[in-house]
Protein backbone atom coordinates (compact mmCIF):
# COMPACT_ATOMS: atom_id res chain seq x y z
CA MET A 1 65.40 41.78 153.61
CA ALA A 2 65.52 42.59 157.10
CA GLU A 3 65.94 46.15 158.42
CA VAL A 4 67.26 48.81 157.01
CA LYS A 5 69.29 51.26 158.93
CA TRP A 6 69.68 55.40 158.05
CA THR A 7 71.45 57.50 160.10
CA ALA A 8 71.81 61.42 160.01
CA SER A 9 74.55 63.19 162.40
CA SER A 10 76.35 66.03 163.12
CA GLN A 11 78.92 68.01 164.98
CA HIS A 12 78.84 71.53 162.73
CA HIS A 13 75.44 71.90 162.30
CA ASP A 14 73.03 73.90 164.37
CA TRP A 15 69.53 71.55 164.87
CA ASN A 16 68.28 73.33 167.36
CA ASP A 17 65.90 74.95 165.87
CA ARG A 18 64.72 71.34 164.50
CA ARG A 19 64.21 72.25 161.27
CA ALA A 20 66.48 69.84 160.00
CA PRO A 21 65.22 66.89 161.57
CA ALA A 22 61.51 68.09 160.64
CA ALA A 23 62.63 68.37 157.13
CA PHE A 24 64.46 64.59 156.84
CA ILE A 25 61.14 63.06 158.71
CA ASP A 26 59.29 64.86 155.65
CA ALA A 27 61.51 63.15 152.89
CA LEU A 28 60.75 60.47 154.58
CA ALA A 29 57.21 60.97 154.76
CA GLN A 30 56.94 62.44 150.65
CA ALA A 31 58.92 58.73 149.65
CA GLY A 32 56.68 57.13 151.11
CA LEU A 33 58.61 55.25 154.02
CA VAL A 34 56.46 56.79 157.00
CA GLY A 35 53.32 56.61 157.25
CA THR A 36 51.25 57.75 160.28
CA VAL A 37 52.84 58.61 163.20
CA GLU A 38 50.89 56.38 165.56
CA GLY A 39 53.60 57.19 169.31
CA VAL A 40 56.43 59.08 170.92
CA CYS A 41 58.17 59.49 173.84
CA GLY A 42 60.98 60.81 175.26
CA TRP A 43 64.38 59.80 177.38
CA ASP A 44 62.01 58.14 179.86
CA GLU A 45 60.06 56.09 178.08
CA ASP A 46 57.68 54.88 180.44
CA ALA A 47 57.13 58.00 181.89
CA THR A 48 56.63 60.03 178.12
CA ARG A 49 55.50 56.89 175.98
CA ARG A 50 51.91 58.41 174.10
CA THR A 51 49.56 57.91 171.42
CA VAL A 52 49.43 60.50 168.54
CA LYS A 53 48.42 60.43 165.07
CA LEU A 54 50.55 62.71 163.25
CA GLN A 55 50.31 62.10 159.06
CA GLY A 56 50.16 64.15 155.89
CA PRO A 57 52.29 67.85 154.31
CA GLY A 58 54.46 68.97 157.23
CA VAL A 59 54.26 66.09 159.51
CA GLY A 60 58.26 66.69 160.25
CA ALA A 61 57.22 70.16 162.55
CA ARG A 62 54.39 68.34 164.06
CA VAL A 63 56.76 65.46 165.17
CA MET A 64 59.19 67.81 166.34
CA ALA A 65 57.13 69.64 168.11
CA GLU A 66 56.42 66.88 170.26
CA ILE A 67 59.33 67.91 171.89
CA PRO A 68 59.15 70.15 174.97
CA LYS A 69 60.09 73.53 173.91
CA LYS A 70 62.58 73.56 176.96
CA GLU A 71 63.47 70.11 176.99
CA LYS A 72 67.61 70.61 177.94
CA HIS A 73 68.61 67.10 175.94
CA PRO A 74 66.11 67.21 173.68
CA PHE A 75 65.59 63.84 172.15
CA LEU A 76 62.92 61.72 170.67
CA LYS A 77 61.67 58.62 169.30
CA ALA A 78 58.63 58.17 166.84
CA TRP A 79 57.03 54.93 165.10
CA GLY A 80 54.95 53.87 163.09
CA SER A 81 53.26 50.61 161.41
CA THR A 82 52.54 51.88 157.43
CA PRO A 83 54.02 51.10 155.61
CA SER A 84 55.44 48.53 157.57
CA PRO A 85 57.18 48.84 160.66
CA TRP A 86 59.42 51.73 161.86
CA THR A 87 61.08 53.69 164.78
CA LEU A 88 62.93 56.69 164.38
CA THR A 89 65.13 58.82 166.85
CA VAL A 90 66.19 62.21 167.09
CA GLY A 91 68.71 63.64 169.23
CA ILE A 92 69.49 67.04 169.53
CA SER A 93 72.89 68.92 171.33
CA ARG A 94 73.37 72.39 172.21
CA PHE A 95 75.08 74.42 169.76
CA VAL A 96 78.41 76.74 171.00
CA ALA A 97 78.58 79.59 168.23
CA ASP A 98 81.84 80.58 169.30
CA GLU A 99 83.11 77.32 168.40
CA GLY A 100 80.92 77.07 165.59
CA ARG A 101 79.72 73.19 166.53
CA VAL A 102 78.02 70.99 168.95
CA ALA A 103 78.31 70.42 172.62
CA GLY A 104 78.16 66.75 171.81
CA LEU A 105 76.48 64.93 168.10
CA ASN A 106 73.37 65.33 166.42
CA THR A 107 71.88 62.52 165.77
CA PHE A 108 69.13 60.91 163.07
CA VAL A 109 68.32 57.38 162.85
CA PHE A 110 65.54 55.91 160.79
CA GLN A 111 64.96 51.28 160.60
CA PHE A 112 62.77 50.68 158.58
CA ASP A 113 61.50 47.16 156.39
CA GLY A 114 63.83 46.64 153.50
CA ALA A 115 61.63 44.37 150.76
CA ALA A 116 60.38 47.18 149.31
CA TYR A 117 63.25 48.57 148.12
CA GLU A 118 65.80 45.74 147.28
CA ASP A 119 65.37 46.17 143.53
CA GLU A 120 66.61 48.93 141.31
CA ALA A 121 63.30 50.82 141.24
CA GLY A 122 63.08 50.76 145.44
CA SER A 123 66.37 51.46 145.32
CA ALA A 124 66.21 54.87 143.17
CA LEU A 125 63.13 55.70 145.06
CA LEU A 126 65.33 55.14 148.57
CA LEU A 127 67.96 56.99 147.16
CA ALA A 128 65.87 59.88 145.79
CA ALA A 129 64.99 60.42 149.69
CA PHE A 130 68.37 60.53 150.35
CA HIS A 131 69.07 63.32 148.19
CA ALA A 132 66.35 64.93 149.50
CA ALA A 133 67.07 64.68 152.88
CA HIS A 134 70.14 65.16 153.02
CA SER A 135 72.30 68.65 151.84
CA PRO A 136 75.49 70.11 152.96
CA ASP A 137 73.11 72.79 154.92
CA THR A 138 71.83 70.25 157.57
CA THR A 139 73.83 67.04 157.35
CA GLU A 140 77.52 66.51 158.14
CA PHE A 141 77.23 62.19 157.32
CA ALA A 142 74.32 60.36 156.44
CA ALA A 143 74.13 56.90 155.43
CA ILE A 144 71.81 53.49 154.63
CA HIS A 145 72.98 49.98 155.13
CA PRO A 146 70.94 46.75 156.26
CA LEU A 147 71.35 47.40 159.76
CA ALA A 148 72.35 43.75 160.99
CA ARG A 149 76.21 44.55 158.35
CA TYR A 150 76.05 48.06 159.59
CA GLU A 151 76.62 46.91 162.82
CA ALA A 152 79.32 44.00 162.07
CA LEU A 153 81.01 46.42 159.83
CA GLU A 154 81.32 49.30 162.64
CA THR A 155 82.49 46.61 165.45
CA GLY A 156 84.34 44.43 162.38
CA GLU A 157 86.31 46.22 159.45
CA TYR A 158 85.19 49.44 159.88
CA ASP A 159 86.12 49.61 163.69
CA SER A 160 88.87 51.84 163.03
CA ALA A 161 86.74 54.62 162.31
CA VAL A 162 87.35 56.99 158.97
CA THR A 163 86.85 59.55 160.91
CA LEU A 164 84.86 58.88 164.23
CA ARG A 165 82.50 55.60 164.64
CA PRO A 166 79.56 57.15 165.75
CA MET A 167 79.83 59.40 161.96
CA PHE A 168 81.77 58.06 159.12
CA ALA A 169 83.02 54.80 160.17
CA GLY A 170 83.44 53.70 156.37
CA VAL A 171 81.71 53.49 153.45
CA PHE A 172 78.07 52.02 153.51
CA TRP A 173 76.07 51.40 150.35
CA ALA A 174 75.25 54.80 150.67
CA SER A 175 76.56 57.53 152.27
CA PHE A 176 76.78 61.41 151.91
CA LEU A 177 79.19 63.72 153.60
CA GLY A 178 79.09 67.22 153.88
CA LYS A 179 79.46 70.39 156.10
CA GLY A 180 82.86 69.91 158.40
CA HIS A 181 83.21 66.81 157.03
CA VAL A 182 83.21 66.75 153.89
CA GLU A 183 87.10 69.19 153.90
CA GLN A 184 88.52 66.87 155.41
CA PHE A 185 89.90 65.18 152.61
CA ASP A 186 92.02 65.34 150.27
CA ARG A 187 90.45 66.26 146.60
CA ALA A 188 92.98 65.11 144.24
CA VAL A 189 92.72 61.53 146.31
CA LEU A 190 89.49 61.46 146.25
CA ALA A 191 89.79 62.24 142.36
CA ARG A 192 90.13 58.46 142.13
CA LEU A 193 87.03 57.40 143.03
CA PRO A 194 84.56 55.56 140.45
CA PRO A 195 82.80 58.67 138.92
CA GLU A 196 79.64 55.96 138.48
CA ARG A 197 79.21 56.46 142.06
CA VAL A 198 80.03 59.91 143.09
CA GLU A 199 78.10 62.71 143.01
CA TRP A 200 78.99 65.83 143.88
CA VAL A 201 76.08 68.71 144.89
CA ASP A 202 76.25 72.66 145.72
CA GLY A 203 79.28 73.47 144.23
CA GLY A 204 81.34 70.55 145.26
CA LYS A 205 80.34 71.24 149.18
CA GLY A 206 78.82 67.98 149.62
CA LEU A 207 78.95 64.73 148.46
CA PHE A 208 76.93 61.37 147.81
CA VAL A 209 78.73 57.78 147.35
CA VAL A 210 76.06 55.25 145.69
CA THR A 211 77.77 51.62 146.01
CA THR A 212 75.09 49.60 143.89
CA PRO A 213 71.92 50.51 142.69
CA ARG A 214 70.33 48.00 144.29
CA LEU A 215 70.18 47.81 148.06
CA GLY A 216 69.71 43.94 147.81
CA GLU A 217 73.18 43.73 146.65
CA ALA A 218 74.14 45.85 149.48
CA THR A 219 75.20 42.65 151.68
CA THR A 220 77.35 40.30 148.87
CA PRO A 221 80.42 39.44 148.62
CA ALA A 222 81.71 41.29 145.62
CA VAL A 223 79.85 45.14 146.97
CA GLU A 224 81.80 45.09 150.23
CA ALA A 225 84.18 44.45 148.40
CA GLU A 226 83.98 47.78 146.56
CA MET A 227 82.32 49.51 149.74
CA LEU A 228 86.04 48.28 151.63
CA ARG A 229 88.34 49.67 148.41
CA LEU A 230 86.26 53.09 148.66
CA THR A 231 86.92 53.41 152.45
CA GLU A 232 90.96 52.75 152.12
CA VAL A 233 90.31 55.54 149.24
CA PHE A 234 88.74 57.78 152.23
CA ARG A 235 91.66 56.56 154.75
CA GLU A 236 94.36 57.92 152.75
CA ALA A 237 92.07 61.55 151.37
CA ARG A 238 91.92 62.17 154.76
CA ARG A 239 93.88 65.07 155.71
CA ARG A 240 95.59 64.73 159.47
């Protein structure tokens, strides 16, 4: 399988203490998706690119510490070659407390080779990491999908996003909705989602949706048809 995209974003969580993205990275490391972090850079890659060797327990906090503390618009790109080549980026926006949201969008994007995660066993490992990384307390929306189809869907069938294109464009192989997003939908309509596809967590504050147990099936016509069908349920459920 070609490259896979794992993305997370939020308008309603404060990531400025950097704990949320650090926890995402820790979940990746604990699942074996990230081995040694070999390099990092900031907005200006040529001026800030540097070699590092970060690994082991607590690697997420050490990676996030590579962003200068007084950075006005915190951003980091990191990369490595184990267990296979991967890259991740983190962008953090200023949190406006009296509005309860950020001035922009918090973003986290992890791209990796999906070959080891195509079958049911590999997919189960990936989904366990997805569950470990994201909760209603840290994440508003997250998704995993093969990169090429992710991008094609965003500009094709999902061009008219369910909420916002950088966030919930539509249902992907695995999706998560947390605080700030899940409240936008009528639960009575969401009850039409197949129970085997969904998992409500934290007393209904978060929702995981998985369209098939196998990542390798994510781009098949049957699964894409199911993704589109589930997306329509969310469109109908959205409160205006």
